[in-house]
Every structure is written in structure tokens, then in C-alpha cells.
PDB file of N, CA and C in Angstrom:
ATOM      1  N   MET A   1       0.778  -1.247   0.197  1.00  0.00           N
ATOM      2  CA  MET A   1      -0.128  -0.118  -0.077  1.00  0.00           C
ATOM      3  C   MET A   1       1.257   1.249  -0.022  1.00  0.00           C
ATOM      4  N   LYS A   2       0.194   2.332  -0.882  1.00  0.00           N
ATOM      5  CA  LYS A   2       1.633   3.509  -1.092  1.00  0.00           C
ATOM      6  C   LYS A   2       0.627   4.170  -0.129  1.00  0.00           C
ATOM      7  N   LYS A   3       1.952   5.083   1.110  1.00  0.00           N
ATOM      8  CA  LYS A   3       1.568   6.317   1.562  1.00  0.00           C
ATOM      9  C   LYS A   3       0.490   7.169   1.271  1.00  0.00           C
ATOM     10  N   VAL A   4      -0.229   7.487   2.114  1.00  0.00           N
ATOM     11  CA  VAL A   4      -1.315   8.104   2.470  1.00  0.00           C
ATOM     12  C   VAL A   4      -1.276   9.602   3.334  1.00  0.00           C
ATOM     13  N   GLU A   5      -1.458  10.834   2.443  1.00  0.00           N
ATOM     14  CA  GLU A   5      -1.274  11.832   2.878  1.00  0.00           C
ATOM     15  C   GLU A   5      -2.543  12.712   2.865  1.00  0.00           C
ATOM     16  N   ILE A   6      -3.161  13.236   3.882  1.00  0.00           N
ATOM     17  CA  ILE A   6      -4.326  14.184   3.919  1.00  0.00           C
ATOM     18  C   ILE A   6      -3.815  15.520   4.148  1.00  0.00           C
ATOM     19  N   ILE A   7      -3.907  16.407   2.898  1.00  0.00           N
ATOM     20  CA  ILE A   7      -3.451  17.599   2.818  1.00  0.00           C
ATOM     21  C   ILE A   7      -4.252  18.666   4.461  1.00  0.00           C
ATOM     22  N   PRO A   8      -3.581  19.101   5.000  1.00  0.00           N
ATOM     23  CA  PRO A   8      -4.294  19.835   6.082  1.00  0.00           C
ATOM     24  C   PRO A   8      -5.707  20.744   5.469  1.00  0.00           C
ATOM     25  N   ILE A   9      -5.928  21.362   4.692  1.00  0.00           N
ATOM     26  CA  ILE A   9      -7.207  21.877   4.439  1.00  0.00           C
ATOM     27  C   ILE A   9      -8.088  20.856   4.039  1.00  0.00           C
ATOM     28  N   ALA A  10      -7.578  19.617   3.798  1.00  0.00           N
ATOM     29  CA  ALA A  10      -8.648  18.406   3.475  1.00  0.00           C
ATOM     30  C   ALA A  10      -9.187  18.191   4.870  1.00  0.00           C
ATOM     31  N   GLN A  11      -8.021  17.959   5.701  1.00  0.00           N
ATOM     32  CA  GLN A  11      -8.840  17.388   7.336  1.00  0.00           C
ATOM     33  C   GLN A  11      -9.535  18.510   7.907  1.00  0.00           C
ATOM     34  N   ARG A  12      -9.458  19.963   7.548  1.00  0.00           N
ATOM     35  CA  ARG A  12     -10.027  20.817   8.212  1.00  0.00           C
ATOM     36  C   ARG A  12     -11.473  20.406   7.558  1.00  0.00           C
ATOM     37  N   LYS A  13     -11.578  20.186   6.364  1.00  0.00           N
ATOM     38  CA  LYS A  13     -12.733  20.287   5.347  1.00  0.00           C
ATOM     39  C   LYS A  13     -13.375  18.732   6.196  1.00  0.00           C
ATOM     40  N   ALA A  14     -12.633  18.118   6.243  1.00  0.00           N
ATOM     41  CA  ALA A  14     -13.191  16.581   6.534  1.00  0.00           C
ATOM     42  C   ALA A  14     -14.130  16.792   7.946  1.00  0.00           C
ATOM     43  N   ARG A  15     -13.286  17.591   8.978  1.00  0.00           N
ATOM     44  CA  ARG A  15     -14.122  17.427  10.071  1.00  0.00           C
ATOM     45  C   ARG A  15     -15.297  18.316  10.282  1.00  0.00           C
ATOM     46  N   LYS A  16     -15.413  19.648   9.154  1.00  0.00           N
ATOM     47  CA  LYS A  16     -16.227  20.370   9.588  1.00  0.00           C
ATOM     48  C   LYS A  16     -17.774  19.546   8.880  1.00  0.00           C
ATOM     49  N   ARG A  17     -17.064  18.811   7.746  1.00  0.00           N
ATOM     50  CA  ARG A  17     -18.196  18.249   7.394  1.00  0.00           C
ATOM     51  C   ARG A  17     -18.677  17.023   7.740  1.00  0.00           C
ATOM     52  N   ARG A  18     -17.837  16.387   8.851  1.00  0.00           N
ATOM     53  CA  ARG A  18     -18.266  15.281  10.024  1.00  0.00           C
ATOM     54  C   ARG A  18     -17.811  14.159   9.720  1.00  0.00           C
ATOM     55  N   ILE A  19     -16.760  13.887   8.406  1.00  0.00           N
ATOM     56  CA  ILE A  19     -16.655  12.781   8.080  1.00  0.00           C
ATOM     57  C   ILE A  19     -15.275  12.377   8.370  1.00  0.00           C
ATOM     58  N   LYS A  20     -15.312  11.050   9.003  1.00  0.00           N
ATOM     59  CA  LYS A  20     -14.242  10.261   9.497  1.00  0.00           C
ATOM     60  C   LYS A  20     -13.122  10.223   8.649  1.00  0.00           C
ATOM     61  N   GLU A  21     -11.652  10.372   9.091  1.00  0.00           N
ATOM     62  CA  GLU A  21     -10.778  10.237   8.789  1.00  0.00           C
ATOM     63  C   GLU A  21     -10.610   8.383   8.280  1.00  0.00           C
ATOM     64  N   GLU A  22     -11.163   7.889   9.591  1.00  0.00           N
ATOM     65  CA  GLU A  22     -11.167   6.456   8.791  1.00  0.00           C
ATOM     66  C   GLU A  22     -11.981   5.990   7.497  1.00  0.00           C
ATOM     67  N   TRP A  23     -12.912   6.669   7.455  1.00  0.00           N
ATOM     68  CA  TRP A  23     -13.809   6.647   6.323  1.00  0.00           C
ATOM     69  C   TRP A  23     -13.052   7.211   4.966  1.00  0.00           C
ATOM     70  N   ILE A  24     -12.331   7.983   4.801  1.00  0.00           N
ATOM     71  CA  ILE A  24     -11.296   8.424   3.997  1.00  0.00           C
ATOM     72  C   ILE A  24     -10.470   7.795   3.910  1.00  0.00           C
ATOM     73  N   LEU A  25      -9.700   6.954   4.520  1.00  0.00           N
ATOM     74  CA  LEU A  25      -8.809   6.139   4.447  1.00  0.00           C
ATOM     75  C   LEU A  25      -8.790   4.766   3.899  1.00  0.00           C
ATOM     76  N   GLU A  26     -10.260   4.269   4.508  1.00  0.00           N
ATOM     77  CA  GLU A  26     -10.769   3.042   4.121  1.00  0.00           C
ATOM     78  C   GLU A  26     -11.050   3.070   2.617  1.00  0.00           C
ATOM     79  N   THR A  27     -11.824   4.351   1.565  1.00  0.00           N
ATOM     80  CA  THR A  27     -12.415   4.561   0.694  1.00  0.00           C
ATOM     81  C   THR A  27     -11.136   4.655  -0.263  1.00  0.00           C
ATOM     82  N   VAL A  28     -10.196   5.062  -0.124  1.00  0.00           N
ATOM     83  CA  VAL A  28      -9.205   5.441  -0.757  1.00  0.00           C
ATOM     84  C   VAL A  28      -8.454   4.021  -0.919  1.00  0.00           C
ATOM     85  N   SER A  29      -8.066   3.136   0.153  1.00  0.00           N
ATOM     86  CA  SER A  29      -7.253   1.700   0.216  1.00  0.00           C
ATOM     87  C   SER A  29      -8.679   0.693  -0.776  1.00  0.00           C
ATOM     88  N   THR A  30      -9.810   0.910  -0.521  1.00  0.00           N
ATOM     89  CA  THR A  30     -10.766  -0.507  -0.917  1.00  0.00           C
ATOM     90  C   THR A  30     -12.095   0.453  -1.329  1.00  0.00           C
ATOM     91  N   PRO A  31     -11.746   1.068  -2.479  1.00  0.00           N
ATOM     92  CA  PRO A  31     -12.844   2.146  -3.027  1.00  0.00           C
ATOM     93  C   PRO A  31     -13.665   1.016  -3.888  1.00  0.00           C
ATOM     94  N   SER A  32     -15.192   1.678  -3.876  1.00  0.00           N
ATOM     95  CA  SER A  32     -16.195   0.918  -4.655  1.00  0.00           C
ATOM     96  C   SER A  32     -16.037   1.050  -6.132  1.00  0.00           C
ATOM     97  N   GLN A  33     -15.325   2.454  -6.287  1.00  0.00           N
ATOM     98  CA  GLN A  33     -15.503   2.771  -7.388  1.00  0.00           C
ATOM     99  C   GLN A  33     -14.433   4.099  -7.535  1.00  0.00           C
ATOM    100  N   VAL A  34     -13.658   4.064  -8.644  1.00  0.00           N
ATOM    101  CA  VAL A  34     -12.705   4.959  -8.767  1.00  0.00           C
ATOM    102  C   VAL A  34     -13.037   5.842 -10.521  1.00  0.00           C
ATOM    103  N   VAL A  35     -13.491   7.357 -10.350  1.00  0.00           N
ATOM    104  CA  VAL A  35     -13.602   8.115 -11.431  1.00  0.00           C
ATOM    105  C   VAL A  35     -12.874   8.743 -11.672  1.00  0.00           C
ATOM    106  N   GLU A  36     -12.126   8.757 -12.761  1.00  0.00           N
ATOM    107  CA  GLU A  36     -11.449   9.841 -13.075  1.00  0.00           C
ATOM    108  C   GLU A  36     -11.449  11.535 -13.079  1.00  0.00           C
ATOM    109  N   GLY A  37     -10.602  12.170 -12.775  1.00  0.00           N
ATOM    110  CA  GLY A  37     -11.485  13.507 -12.732  1.00  0.00           C
ATOM    111  C   GLY A  37     -10.500  14.311 -13.817  1.00  0.00           C
ATOM    112  N   TYR A  38     -10.365  16.075 -13.283  1.00  0.00           N
ATOM    113  CA  TYR A  38      -9.376  16.680 -13.964  1.00  0.00           C
ATOM    114  C   TYR A  38      -8.080  17.047 -13.675  1.00  0.00           C
ATOM    115  N   GLY A  39      -7.441  17.021 -14.538  1.00  0.00           N
ATOM    116  CA  GLY A  39      -5.810  17.411 -14.011  1.00  0.00           C
ATOM    117  C   GLY A  39      -5.057  16.237 -13.581  1.00  0.00           C
ATOM    118  N   GLY A  40      -5.489  14.966 -13.905  1.00  0.00           N
ATOM    119  CA  GLY A  40      -4.960  13.516 -13.532  1.00  0.00           C
ATOM    120  C   GLY A  40      -5.470  13.320 -12.008  1.00  0.00           C
ATOM    121  N   ARG A  41      -6.180  13.818 -11.558  1.00  0.00           N
ATOM    122  CA  ARG A  41      -7.362  13.767  -9.943  1.00  0.00           C
ATOM    123  C   ARG A  41      -7.902  12.463 -10.134  1.00  0.00           C
ATOM    124  N   LYS A  42      -8.355  11.681  -9.655  1.00  0.00           N
ATOM    125  CA  LYS A  42      -9.329  10.724  -9.073  1.00  0.00           C
ATOM    126  C   LYS A  42     -10.155  11.005  -7.939  1.00  0.00           C
ATOM    127  N   PHE A  43     -11.024  10.097  -8.197  1.00  0.00           N
ATOM    128  CA  PHE A  43     -12.443  10.252  -7.214  1.00  0.00           C
ATOM    129  C   PHE A  43     -12.821   8.600  -6.821  1.00  0.00           C
ATOM    130  N   ALA A  44     -12.181   8.698  -5.275  1.00  0.00           N
ATOM    131  CA  ALA A  44     -12.295   7.572  -4.796  1.00  0.00           C
ATOM    132  C   ALA A  44     -13.653   7.645  -4.117  1.00  0.00           C
ATOM    133  N   GLN A  45     -14.708   6.415  -4.445  1.00  0.00           N
ATOM    134  CA  GLN A  45     -16.315   6.605  -4.074  1.00  0.00           C
ATOM    135  C   GLN A  45     -16.482   5.447  -3.372  1.00  0.00           C
ATOM    136  N   SER A  46     -17.233   5.647  -2.057  1.00  0.00           N
ATOM    137  CA  SER A  46     -17.857   4.756  -1.747  1.00  0.00           C
ATOM    138  C   SER A  46     -19.106   4.912  -0.621  1.00  0.00           C
ATOM    139  N   ILE A  47     -20.144   3.998  -0.954  1.00  0.00           N
ATOM    140  CA  ILE A  47     -21.893   4.526  -0.573  1.00  0.00           C
ATOM    141  C   ILE A  47     -21.419   3.957   1.092  1.00  0.00           C
ATOM    142  N   LYS A  48     -21.850   5.114   1.815  1.00  0.00           N
ATOM    143  CA  LYS A  48     -22.190   5.092   3.556  1.00  0.00           C
ATOM    144  C   LYS A  48     -23.602   5.163   3.740  1.00  0.00           C
ATOM    145  N   ARG A  49     -23.641   4.155   4.808  1.00  0.00           N
ATOM    146  CA  ARG A  49     -25.100   4.296   5.355  1.00  0.00           C
ATOM    147  C   ARG A  49     -24.877   5.373   6.592  1.00  0.00           C
ATOM    148  N   ILE A  50     -25.601   6.740   6.665  1.00  0.00           N
ATOM    149  CA  ILE A  50     -25.735   7.374   7.910  1.00  0.00           C
ATOM    150  C   ILE A  50     -27.035   7.809   8.248  1.00  0.00           C
ATOM    151  N   ARG A  51     -27.554   7.706   9.443  1.00  0.00           N
ATOM    152  CA  ARG A  51     -28.687   7.301  10.157  1.00  0.00           C
ATOM    153  C   ARG A  51     -29.661   6.960   9.198  1.00  0.00           C
ATOM    154  N   GLY A  52     -29.363   5.653   8.606  1.00  0.00           N
ATOM    155  CA  GLY A  52     -30.242   5.024   8.215  1.00  0.00           C
ATOM    156  C   GLY A  52     -30.639   5.404   6.570  1.00  0.00           C
ATOM    157  N   LYS A  53     -29.935   6.052   6.001  1.00  0.00           N
ATOM    158  CA  LYS A  53     -30.055   6.615   4.606  1.00  0.00           C
ATOM    159  C   LYS A  53     -28.602   6.215   3.906  1.00  0.00           C
ATOM    160  N   GLU A  54     -28.470   5.988   2.498  1.00  0.00           N
ATOM    161  CA  GLU A  54     -27.051   6.172   1.912  1.00  0.00           C
ATOM    162  C   GLU A  54     -26.617   7.281   0.831  1.00  0.00           C
ATOM    163  N   TYR A  55     -25.474   7.505   1.476  1.00  0.00           N
ATOM    164  CA  TYR A  55     -24.844   8.706   0.594  1.00  0.00           C
ATOM    165  C   TYR A  55     -23.608   8.243  -0.243  1.00  0.00           C
ATOM    166  N   LEU A  56     -22.787   9.076  -0.852  1.00  0.00           N
ATOM    167  CA  LEU A  56     -21.568   8.859  -1.856  1.00  0.00           C
ATOM    168  C   LEU A  56     -20.767   9.299  -1.068  1.00  0.00           C
ATOM    169  N   LEU A  57     -19.869   8.985  -0.549  1.00  0.00           N
ATOM    170  CA  LEU A  57     -18.137   9.408  -0.139  1.00  0.00           C
ATOM    171  C   LEU A  57     -17.560   9.502  -1.348  1.00  0.00           C
ATOM    172  N   ARG A  58     -16.951  10.695  -1.865  1.00  0.00           N
ATOM    173  CA  ARG A  58     -16.275  11.259  -2.711  1.00  0.00           C
ATOM    174  C   ARG A  58     -14.920  11.655  -2.290  1.00  0.00           C
ATOM    175  N   VAL A  59     -13.710  10.628  -2.300  1.00  0.00           N
ATOM    176  CA  VAL A  59     -12.604  11.347  -1.848  1.00  0.00           C
ATOM    177  C   VAL A  59     -11.670  11.842  -2.939  1.00  0.00           C
ATOM    178  N   VAL A  60     -11.298  13.106  -3.170  1.00  0.00           N
ATOM    179  CA  VAL A  60     -10.456  13.634  -4.534  1.00  0.00           C
ATOM    180  C   VAL A  60      -9.204  13.462  -3.830  1.00  0.00           C
ATOM    181  N   TYR A  61      -8.555  12.510  -5.182  1.00  0.00           N
ATOM    182  CA  TYR A  61      -6.865  12.534  -4.620  1.00  0.00           C
ATOM    183  C   TYR A  61      -6.165  12.664  -5.698  1.00  0.00           C
ATOM    184  N   GLU A  62      -4.449  12.882  -5.245  1.00  0.00           N
ATOM    185  CA  GLU A  62      -3.535  12.830  -6.706  1.00  0.00           C
ATOM    186  C   GLU A  62      -2.646  11.402  -6.326  1.00  0.00           C
ATOM    187  N   GLU A  63      -2.232  10.670  -7.216  1.00  0.00           N
ATOM    188  CA  GLU A  63      -1.522   9.838  -6.951  1.00  0.00           C
ATOM    189  C   GLU A  63       0.002   9.949  -7.822  1.00  0.00           C
ATOM    190  N   THR A  64       1.201   9.243  -6.806  1.00  0.00           N
ATOM    191  CA  THR A  64       1.879   9.153  -8.030  1.00  0.00           C
ATOM    192  C   THR A  64       2.643   7.682  -7.784  1.00  0.00           C
ATOM    193  N   GLU A  65       3.991   6.997  -8.040  1.00  0.00           N
ATOM    194  CA  GLU A  65       4.296   6.027  -7.590  1.00  0.00           C
ATOM    195  C   GLU A  65       4.476   5.760  -6.273  1.00  0.00           C
ATOM    196  N   VAL A  66       4.760   6.262  -4.979  1.00  0.00           N
ATOM    197  CA  VAL A  66       4.829   6.609  -3.693  1.00  0.00           C
ATOM    198  C   VAL A  66       3.860   6.924  -2.853  1.00  0.00           C
ATOM    199  N   LEU A  67       3.033   7.668  -3.380  1.00  0.00           N
ATOM    200  CA  LEU A  67       2.155   8.544  -2.477  1.00  0.00           C
ATOM    201  C   LEU A  67       0.701   9.071  -3.250  1.00  0.00           C
ATOM    202  N   ILE A  68      -0.295   8.663  -2.143  1.00  0.00           N
ATOM    203  CA  ILE A  68      -1.635   9.028  -2.591  1.00  0.00           C
ATOM    204  C   ILE A  68      -1.912  10.539  -1.486  1.00  0.00           C
ATOM    205  N   THR A  69      -2.193  11.685  -2.203  1.00  0.00           N
ATOM    206  CA  THR A  69      -2.487  12.839  -1.385  1.00  0.00           C
ATOM    207  C   THR A  69      -4.077  13.030  -1.501  1.00  0.00           C
ATOM    208  N   ILE A  70      -4.479  13.094  -0.496  1.00  0.00           N
ATOM    209  CA  ILE A  70      -5.832  13.404  -0.729  1.00  0.00           C
ATOM    210  C   ILE A  70      -5.888  14.872  -0.411  1.00  0.00           C
ATOM    211  N   VAL A  71      -6.877  15.480  -1.596  1.00  0.00           N
ATOM    212  CA  VAL A  71      -6.831  16.897  -1.558  1.00  0.00           C
ATOM    213  C   VAL A  71      -8.352  17.533  -0.987  1.00  0.00           C
ATOM    214  N   THR A  72      -9.450  16.401  -1.025  1.00  0.00           N
ATOM    215  CA  THR A  72     -10.717  16.796  -0.162  1.00  0.00           C
ATOM    216  C   THR A  72     -11.710  15.426  -0.041  1.00  0.00           C
ATOM    217  N   ALA A  73     -12.537  15.830   0.487  1.00  0.00           N
ATOM    218  CA  ALA A  73     -13.690  14.390   0.429  1.00  0.00           C
ATOM    219  C   ALA A  73     -14.895  15.126   0.856  1.00  0.00           C
ATOM    220  N   TYR A  74     -16.129  14.931   0.307  1.00  0.00           N
ATOM    221  CA  TYR A  74     -17.534  15.521   0.632  1.00  0.00           C
ATOM    222  C   TYR A  74     -18.012  14.209   0.653  1.00  0.00           C
ATOM    223  N   ILE A  75     -19.724  14.303   1.144  1.00  0.00           N
ATOM    224  CA  ILE A  75     -20.355  13.537   0.880  1.00  0.00           C
ATOM    225  C   ILE A  75     -21.499  13.935   0.384  1.00  0.00           C
ATOM    226  N   SER A  76     -22.144  12.900  -1.083  1.00  0.00           N
ATOM    227  CA  SER A  76     -23.428  13.855  -1.576  1.00  0.00           C
ATOM    228  C   SER A  76     -24.438  12.616  -1.265  1.00  0.00           C
ATOM    229  N   SER A  77     -25.918  13.196  -1.409  1.00  0.00           N
ATOM    230  CA  SER A  77     -26.931  12.247  -1.334  1.00  0.00           C
ATOM    231  C   SER A  77     -26.920  11.819  -2.685  1.00  0.00           C
ATOM    232  N   GLN A  78     -26.759  13.010  -3.713  1.00  0.00           N
ATOM    233  CA  GLN A  78     -26.777  12.666  -5.179  1.00  0.00           C
ATOM    234  C   GLN A  78     -26.258  11.399  -5.946  1.00  0.00           C
ATOM    235  N   ILE A  79     -26.432  10.324  -5.373  1.00  0.00           N
ATOM    236  CA  ILE A  79     -25.651   9.040  -5.821  1.00  0.00           C
ATOM    237  C   ILE A  79     -25.679   8.861  -7.205  1.00  0.00           C
ATOM    238  N   SER A  80     -26.923   8.834  -7.813  1.00  0.00           N
ATOM    239  CA  SER A  80     -27.079   8.747  -9.417  1.00  0.00           C
ATOM    240  C   SER A  80     -26.070   9.646 -10.097  1.00  0.00           C
ATOM    241  N   ARG A  81     -26.100  10.457  -9.565  1.00  0.00           N
ATOM    242  CA  ARG A  81     -25.246  12.108 -10.445  1.00  0.00           C
ATOM    243  C   ARG A  81     -23.555  11.628 -10.475  1.00  0.00           C
ATOM    244  N   TYR A  82     -23.004  11.011  -9.420  1.00  0.00           N
ATOM    245  CA  TYR A  82     -21.948  11.030  -9.611  1.00  0.00           C
ATOM    246  C   TYR A  82     -21.802   9.241  -9.936  1.00  0.00           C
ATOM    247  N   TRP A  83     -22.213   8.475  -9.621  1.00  0.00           N
ATOM    248  CA  TRP A  83     -21.570   6.946  -9.772  1.00  0.00           C
ATOM    249  C   TRP A  83     -21.858   6.728 -11.277  1.00  0.00           C
ATOM    250  N   GLN A  84     -20.820   6.045 -11.525  1.00  0.00           N
ATOM    251  CA  GLN A  84     -20.367   5.492 -13.016  1.00  0.00           C
ATOM    252  C   GLN A  84     -20.841   4.152 -13.460  1.00  0.00           C
ATOM    253  N   GLU A  85     -22.075   3.656 -14.023  1.00  0.00           N
ATOM    254  CA  GLU A  85     -22.252   2.593 -14.140  1.00  0.00           C
ATOM    255  C   GLU A  85     -21.404   1.543 -15.321  1.00  0.00           C
ATOM    256  N   GLU A  86     -21.261   0.663 -15.103  1.00  0.00           N
ATOM    257  CA  GLU A  86     -20.004  -0.205 -15.528  1.00  0.00           C
ATOM    258  C   GLU A  86     -20.358  -0.259 -17.335  1.00  0.00           C
ATOM    259  N   SER A  87     -20.189  -0.147 -18.499  1.00  0.00           N
ATOM    260  CA  SER A  87     -20.412  -0.424 -19.582  1.00  0.00           C
ATOM    261  C   SER A  87     -19.616  -1.747 -20.296  1.00  0.00           C
TER     262      SER A  87
END
């Protein structure tokens, strides 16, 4: 497993959004889905059940051969908007 680093602003935003660091690390290490983003960034996605409702956790990261850098993370109720069906 590559080293994972969460940049300070991503840590602050995750705390503010009540996203557990363990969820972020779990999503990056074993994502349900990875979606390509802009500028080489990727989105690791997983579905979380929070207070009886399903939400999509999206973790934005950049990856090198030795390091995964978490840029930000957020939770969305709009799962179908971001989830990409296999073709």
C-alpha cells in the first residue's frame, strides 16, 4: 500500500463536514469505484449508510508511484449523479 497523506485543508474540511478520517482512508484503500477527474486527479467513491440513509463519499486525490495525496472529501446524497455504471 502506498503512503497516504491528507493535506491540512482537506483535514479541516473533513472535520467540518463530519467525515471520519477512517472513512477517507478506507475509501482510498478499497474504493467501490474510482472515477477519473480533471488534471490527473481521481475520485475514490464508496456508499456509506448514515442515520439510515445512503450517501456517496467522494475522496479527491492525486497519486504518484509512492504517494496518494488526499485533496478533499465530501458526502453527497446524489449518488446517481456521480456513480458511473459499468459499460
